[in-house]
């Protein structure tokens, strides 16, 4: 599997990312760094504790990272959750939006790990 194929499997923007990062080697470096990022875990903890301000910050940061790395699908679901949490409150849609972020995150992480461990 190539980096581009990995990106296709996670609904990511390879073309935009290669333009920004200039090489597959750079993309691979950032893939590995993404797997070590702790914002998703912070988001999970804040959601569990209903700490909406902390959840907003973690979701916003995760969304930004995903936009920079071209992880389009995860950035999209992260953006929806971020906007839902803006203002420091959850509502009747928050759990479903978070579930989508979780699903997209797990897909992304699993594909990145598969690629990096090939």
N, C-alpha and C. Protein backbone atom coordinates (compact mmCIF):
# COMPACT_ATOMS: atom_id res chain seq x y z
N UNK A 1 0.85 -1.17 0.00
CA UNK A 1 0.00 0.00 0.00
C UNK A 1 0.90 1.24 0.00
N UNK A 2 0.48 2.23 -0.76
CA UNK A 2 1.21 3.50 -0.81
C UNK A 2 0.59 4.49 0.18
N UNK A 3 1.29 5.59 0.42
CA UNK A 3 0.74 6.65 1.27
C UNK A 3 -0.57 7.14 0.67
N UNK A 4 -0.58 7.33 -0.63
CA UNK A 4 -1.79 7.81 -1.30
C UNK A 4 -2.95 6.83 -1.09
N UNK A 5 -2.69 5.55 -1.20
CA UNK A 5 -3.74 4.55 -0.99
C UNK A 5 -4.24 4.57 0.46
N UNK A 6 -3.33 4.75 1.38
CA UNK A 6 -3.71 4.86 2.79
C UNK A 6 -4.63 6.06 2.97
N UNK A 7 -4.27 7.16 2.37
CA UNK A 7 -5.09 8.38 2.46
C UNK A 7 -6.48 8.14 1.85
N UNK A 8 -6.54 7.44 0.75
CA UNK A 8 -7.83 7.15 0.12
C UNK A 8 -8.70 6.31 1.04
N UNK A 9 -8.10 5.38 1.74
CA UNK A 9 -8.86 4.49 2.63
C UNK A 9 -9.48 5.22 3.82
N UNK A 10 -8.90 6.34 4.21
CA UNK A 10 -9.43 7.08 5.35
C UNK A 10 -10.19 8.34 4.93
N UNK A 11 -10.44 8.49 3.65
CA UNK A 11 -11.17 9.66 3.17
C UNK A 11 -10.38 10.94 3.36
N UNK A 12 -9.09 10.87 3.08
CA UNK A 12 -8.19 12.01 3.29
C UNK A 12 -7.77 12.63 1.96
N UNK A 13 -7.20 13.81 2.05
CA UNK A 13 -6.78 14.60 0.88
C UNK A 13 -5.27 14.47 0.68
N UNK A 14 -4.89 13.47 -0.09
CA UNK A 14 -3.47 13.25 -0.35
C UNK A 14 -2.88 14.38 -1.19
N UNK A 15 -3.59 14.83 -2.20
CA UNK A 15 -3.06 15.84 -3.12
C UNK A 15 -2.72 17.13 -2.38
N UNK A 16 -3.62 17.61 -1.56
CA UNK A 16 -3.37 18.82 -0.80
C UNK A 16 -2.25 18.65 0.21
N UNK A 17 -2.20 17.47 0.81
CA UNK A 17 -1.18 17.21 1.83
C UNK A 17 0.21 17.12 1.21
N UNK A 18 0.34 16.45 0.08
CA UNK A 18 1.66 16.34 -0.57
C UNK A 18 2.11 17.72 -1.05
N UNK A 19 1.19 18.58 -1.42
CA UNK A 19 1.56 19.94 -1.80
C UNK A 19 2.11 20.71 -0.60
N UNK A 20 1.50 20.52 0.58
CA UNK A 20 1.96 21.21 1.78
C UNK A 20 3.24 20.62 2.35
N UNK A 21 3.33 19.31 2.38
CA UNK A 21 4.45 18.66 3.06
C UNK A 21 5.57 18.21 2.13
N UNK A 22 5.36 18.25 0.84
CA UNK A 22 6.38 18.06 -0.20
C UNK A 22 6.85 16.64 -0.47
N UNK A 23 6.65 15.70 0.46
CA UNK A 23 7.13 14.34 0.19
C UNK A 23 6.37 13.32 1.03
N UNK A 24 6.35 12.10 0.52
CA UNK A 24 5.75 11.01 1.29
C UNK A 24 6.48 10.80 2.61
N UNK A 25 7.78 11.01 2.61
CA UNK A 25 8.56 10.84 3.84
C UNK A 25 8.08 11.79 4.93
N UNK A 26 7.79 13.03 4.55
CA UNK A 26 7.27 14.01 5.52
C UNK A 26 5.88 13.60 6.00
N UNK A 27 5.05 13.15 5.07
CA UNK A 27 3.70 12.70 5.45
C UNK A 27 3.81 11.54 6.43
N UNK A 28 4.68 10.59 6.16
CA UNK A 28 4.86 9.44 7.04
C UNK A 28 5.32 9.89 8.42
N UNK A 29 6.21 10.84 8.46
CA UNK A 29 6.69 11.38 9.74
C UNK A 29 5.52 11.94 10.56
N UNK A 30 4.64 12.70 9.89
CA UNK A 30 3.50 13.28 10.59
C UNK A 30 2.43 12.24 10.93
N UNK A 31 2.33 11.19 10.12
CA UNK A 31 1.43 10.08 10.47
C UNK A 31 1.82 9.50 11.83
N UNK A 32 3.11 9.25 11.98
CA UNK A 32 3.61 8.68 13.24
C UNK A 32 3.37 9.64 14.40
N UNK A 33 3.58 10.91 14.17
CA UNK A 33 3.35 11.90 15.22
C UNK A 33 1.87 11.96 15.60
N UNK A 34 0.98 11.82 14.62
CA UNK A 34 -0.45 11.84 14.89
C UNK A 34 -0.84 10.70 15.82
N UNK A 35 -0.23 9.54 15.62
CA UNK A 35 -0.55 8.39 16.47
C UNK A 35 -0.15 8.62 17.92
N UNK A 36 0.78 9.52 18.16
CA UNK A 36 1.22 9.82 19.52
C UNK A 36 0.48 11.01 20.14
N UNK A 37 -0.30 11.71 19.34
CA UNK A 37 -1.02 12.89 19.82
C UNK A 37 -2.07 12.47 20.86
N UNK A 38 -2.23 13.27 21.89
CA UNK A 38 -3.12 12.92 23.00
C UNK A 38 -4.43 13.69 23.01
N UNK A 39 -4.72 14.43 21.98
CA UNK A 39 -5.96 15.22 21.96
C UNK A 39 -7.21 14.36 21.93
N UNK A 40 -7.19 13.24 21.24
CA UNK A 40 -8.37 12.39 21.22
C UNK A 40 -8.65 11.83 22.60
N UNK A 41 -7.61 11.40 23.31
CA UNK A 41 -7.80 10.90 24.66
C UNK A 41 -8.32 12.00 25.58
N UNK A 42 -7.81 13.21 25.41
CA UNK A 42 -8.31 14.35 26.19
C UNK A 42 -9.79 14.60 25.88
N UNK A 43 -10.15 14.50 24.61
CA UNK A 43 -11.55 14.67 24.22
C UNK A 43 -12.43 13.61 24.87
N UNK A 44 -11.99 12.37 24.83
CA UNK A 44 -12.77 11.28 25.44
C UNK A 44 -12.98 11.52 26.93
N UNK A 45 -11.92 11.90 27.62
CA UNK A 45 -12.03 12.16 29.06
C UNK A 45 -12.95 13.32 29.36
N UNK A 46 -12.84 14.39 28.59
CA UNK A 46 -13.69 15.56 28.80
C UNK A 46 -15.15 15.24 28.50
N UNK A 47 -15.39 14.46 27.46
CA UNK A 47 -16.77 14.08 27.14
C UNK A 47 -17.36 13.22 28.26
N UNK A 48 -16.58 12.29 28.75
CA UNK A 48 -17.06 11.41 29.83
C UNK A 48 -17.43 12.21 31.07
N UNK A 49 -16.62 13.22 31.37
CA UNK A 49 -16.85 14.05 32.55
C UNK A 49 -17.79 15.23 32.27
N UNK A 50 -18.24 15.35 31.04
CA UNK A 50 -19.09 16.45 30.60
C UNK A 50 -18.45 17.81 30.91
N UNK A 51 -17.16 17.86 30.68
CA UNK A 51 -16.40 19.11 30.81
C UNK A 51 -16.37 19.74 29.42
N UNK A 52 -17.42 20.47 29.11
CA UNK A 52 -17.65 20.93 27.74
C UNK A 52 -16.58 21.88 27.23
N UNK A 53 -16.06 22.75 28.08
CA UNK A 53 -14.99 23.65 27.62
C UNK A 53 -13.74 22.87 27.23
N UNK A 54 -13.38 21.89 28.05
CA UNK A 54 -12.21 21.06 27.73
C UNK A 54 -12.47 20.21 26.49
N UNK A 55 -13.68 19.71 26.36
CA UNK A 55 -14.05 18.92 25.18
C UNK A 55 -13.96 19.79 23.93
N UNK A 56 -14.44 21.03 24.03
CA UNK A 56 -14.36 21.95 22.90
C UNK A 56 -12.91 22.16 22.48
N UNK A 57 -12.04 22.44 23.45
CA UNK A 57 -10.62 22.70 23.12
C UNK A 57 -9.97 21.48 22.47
N UNK A 58 -10.23 20.30 23.01
CA UNK A 58 -9.64 19.08 22.46
C UNK A 58 -10.17 18.80 21.05
N UNK A 59 -11.47 18.96 20.86
CA UNK A 59 -12.08 18.73 19.54
C UNK A 59 -11.55 19.75 18.53
N UNK A 60 -11.43 20.99 18.96
CA UNK A 60 -10.94 22.06 18.08
C UNK A 60 -9.48 21.78 17.67
N UNK A 61 -8.67 21.37 18.61
CA UNK A 61 -7.26 21.07 18.31
C UNK A 61 -7.15 19.86 17.39
N UNK A 62 -7.92 18.82 17.68
CA UNK A 62 -7.91 17.62 16.84
C UNK A 62 -8.34 17.97 15.42
N UNK A 63 -9.38 18.78 15.29
CA UNK A 63 -9.84 19.21 13.97
C UNK A 63 -8.73 19.94 13.22
N UNK A 64 -8.05 20.84 13.90
CA UNK A 64 -6.98 21.60 13.26
C UNK A 64 -5.83 20.73 12.79
N UNK A 65 -5.44 19.78 13.61
CA UNK A 65 -4.39 18.85 13.22
C UNK A 65 -4.82 18.07 11.98
N UNK A 66 -6.06 17.60 11.99
CA UNK A 66 -6.57 16.82 10.87
C UNK A 66 -6.64 17.64 9.58
N UNK A 67 -7.02 18.91 9.71
CA UNK A 67 -7.03 19.77 8.52
C UNK A 67 -5.62 19.93 7.96
N UNK A 68 -4.64 20.12 8.83
CA UNK A 68 -3.25 20.27 8.37
C UNK A 68 -2.72 19.02 7.71
N UNK A 69 -3.14 17.86 8.20
CA UNK A 69 -2.64 16.59 7.66
C UNK A 69 -3.51 16.03 6.54
N UNK A 70 -4.60 16.73 6.23
CA UNK A 70 -5.46 16.29 5.14
C UNK A 70 -6.41 15.17 5.51
N UNK A 71 -6.60 14.90 6.78
CA UNK A 71 -7.52 13.84 7.22
C UNK A 71 -8.94 14.39 7.15
N UNK A 72 -9.45 14.50 5.94
CA UNK A 72 -10.67 15.22 5.64
C UNK A 72 -11.88 14.70 6.41
N UNK A 73 -12.10 13.40 6.40
CA UNK A 73 -13.28 12.84 7.05
C UNK A 73 -13.25 13.10 8.55
N UNK A 74 -12.12 12.87 9.19
CA UNK A 74 -12.01 13.11 10.63
C UNK A 74 -12.10 14.60 10.93
N UNK A 75 -11.54 15.44 10.09
CA UNK A 75 -11.65 16.89 10.28
C UNK A 75 -13.10 17.34 10.17
N UNK A 76 -13.85 16.74 9.26
CA UNK A 76 -15.25 17.09 9.07
C UNK A 76 -16.08 16.74 10.31
N UNK A 77 -15.92 15.53 10.80
CA UNK A 77 -16.69 15.15 12.00
C UNK A 77 -16.20 15.92 13.22
N UNK A 78 -14.90 16.18 13.29
CA UNK A 78 -14.36 16.98 14.38
C UNK A 78 -14.87 18.41 14.35
N UNK A 79 -15.04 18.95 13.16
CA UNK A 79 -15.57 20.30 13.01
C UNK A 79 -17.02 20.37 13.49
N UNK A 80 -17.80 19.37 13.12
CA UNK A 80 -19.20 19.34 13.55
C UNK A 80 -19.30 19.29 15.08
N UNK A 81 -18.47 18.47 15.71
CA UNK A 81 -18.47 18.38 17.17
C UNK A 81 -17.98 19.69 17.78
N UNK A 82 -16.94 20.27 17.21
CA UNK A 82 -16.41 21.54 17.71
C UNK A 82 -17.50 22.61 17.71
N UNK A 83 -18.20 22.73 16.60
CA UNK A 83 -19.26 23.75 16.52
C UNK A 83 -20.38 23.46 17.49
N UNK A 84 -20.69 22.18 17.69
CA UNK A 84 -21.72 21.80 18.65
C UNK A 84 -21.33 22.20 20.07
N UNK A 85 -20.05 22.11 20.39
CA UNK A 85 -19.57 22.40 21.74
C UNK A 85 -19.20 23.87 21.94
N UNK A 86 -19.20 24.64 20.87
CA UNK A 86 -18.86 26.06 20.97
C UNK A 86 -19.81 26.72 21.96
N UNK A 87 -19.27 27.48 22.87
CA UNK A 87 -20.09 28.09 23.90
C UNK A 87 -20.08 27.29 25.20
N UNK A 88 -19.38 26.16 25.20
CA UNK A 88 -19.18 25.41 26.42
C UNK A 88 -20.36 24.59 26.91
N UNK A 89 -21.20 24.14 25.98
CA UNK A 89 -22.34 23.32 26.38
C UNK A 89 -22.52 22.15 25.44
N UNK A 90 -22.96 21.05 26.00
CA UNK A 90 -23.39 19.94 25.18
C UNK A 90 -24.90 20.05 24.98
N UNK A 91 -25.44 19.27 24.05
CA UNK A 91 -26.88 19.22 23.86
C UNK A 91 -27.28 17.84 23.37
N UNK A 92 -28.51 17.72 22.88
CA UNK A 92 -29.02 16.41 22.47
C UNK A 92 -28.27 15.82 21.28
N UNK A 93 -27.51 16.62 20.55
CA UNK A 93 -26.75 16.12 19.40
C UNK A 93 -25.31 15.75 19.73
N UNK A 94 -24.84 16.14 20.88
CA UNK A 94 -23.43 16.00 21.22
C UNK A 94 -22.96 14.55 21.20
N UNK A 95 -23.73 13.65 21.79
CA UNK A 95 -23.31 12.24 21.87
C UNK A 95 -23.18 11.63 20.48
N UNK A 96 -24.11 11.91 19.59
CA UNK A 96 -24.05 11.35 18.24
C UNK A 96 -22.87 11.93 17.46
N UNK A 97 -22.61 13.21 17.62
CA UNK A 97 -21.47 13.83 16.94
C UNK A 97 -20.15 13.26 17.46
N UNK A 98 -20.07 13.06 18.77
CA UNK A 98 -18.87 12.46 19.34
C UNK A 98 -18.69 11.02 18.85
N UNK A 99 -19.79 10.28 18.75
CA UNK A 99 -19.71 8.90 18.24
C UNK A 99 -19.15 8.88 16.82
N UNK A 100 -19.51 9.85 16.00
CA UNK A 100 -18.97 9.91 14.64
C UNK A 100 -17.48 10.23 14.66
N UNK A 101 -17.07 11.14 15.54
CA UNK A 101 -15.64 11.44 15.67
C UNK A 101 -14.89 10.18 16.10
N UNK A 102 -15.43 9.47 17.08
CA UNK A 102 -14.80 8.22 17.53
C UNK A 102 -14.64 7.23 16.39
N UNK A 103 -15.69 7.05 15.61
CA UNK A 103 -15.65 6.11 14.49
C UNK A 103 -14.60 6.54 13.47
N UNK A 104 -14.60 7.80 13.11
CA UNK A 104 -13.64 8.30 12.12
C UNK A 104 -12.21 8.24 12.66
N UNK A 105 -12.04 8.53 13.94
CA UNK A 105 -10.72 8.48 14.55
C UNK A 105 -10.19 7.05 14.53
N UNK A 106 -11.01 6.10 14.94
CA UNK A 106 -10.57 4.69 14.97
C UNK A 106 -10.20 4.20 13.57
N UNK A 107 -11.00 4.53 12.58
CA UNK A 107 -10.67 4.15 11.20
C UNK A 107 -9.33 4.75 10.80
N UNK A 108 -9.15 6.03 11.06
CA UNK A 108 -7.92 6.72 10.69
C UNK A 108 -6.71 6.09 11.38
N UNK A 109 -6.79 5.92 12.67
CA UNK A 109 -5.67 5.38 13.44
C UNK A 109 -5.36 3.95 13.01
N UNK A 110 -6.38 3.14 12.80
CA UNK A 110 -6.14 1.76 12.39
C UNK A 110 -5.45 1.69 11.02
N UNK A 111 -5.89 2.52 10.09
CA UNK A 111 -5.27 2.53 8.76
C UNK A 111 -3.83 3.05 8.82
N UNK A 112 -3.61 4.11 9.61
CA UNK A 112 -2.25 4.64 9.75
C UNK A 112 -1.34 3.59 10.36
N UNK A 113 -1.79 2.92 11.39
CA UNK A 113 -0.97 1.86 12.02
C UNK A 113 -0.69 0.75 11.03
N UNK A 114 -1.72 0.32 10.29
CA UNK A 114 -1.49 -0.73 9.29
C UNK A 114 -0.43 -0.29 8.28
N UNK A 115 -0.52 0.94 7.82
CA UNK A 115 0.45 1.42 6.85
C UNK A 115 1.85 1.47 7.46
N UNK A 116 1.98 2.04 8.64
CA UNK A 116 3.29 2.22 9.25
C UNK A 116 3.92 0.91 9.70
N UNK A 117 3.11 -0.09 9.99
CA UNK A 117 3.62 -1.39 10.46
C UNK A 117 3.75 -2.41 9.34
N UNK A 118 3.66 -1.98 8.10
CA UNK A 118 3.72 -2.92 6.97
C UNK A 118 5.10 -3.51 6.81
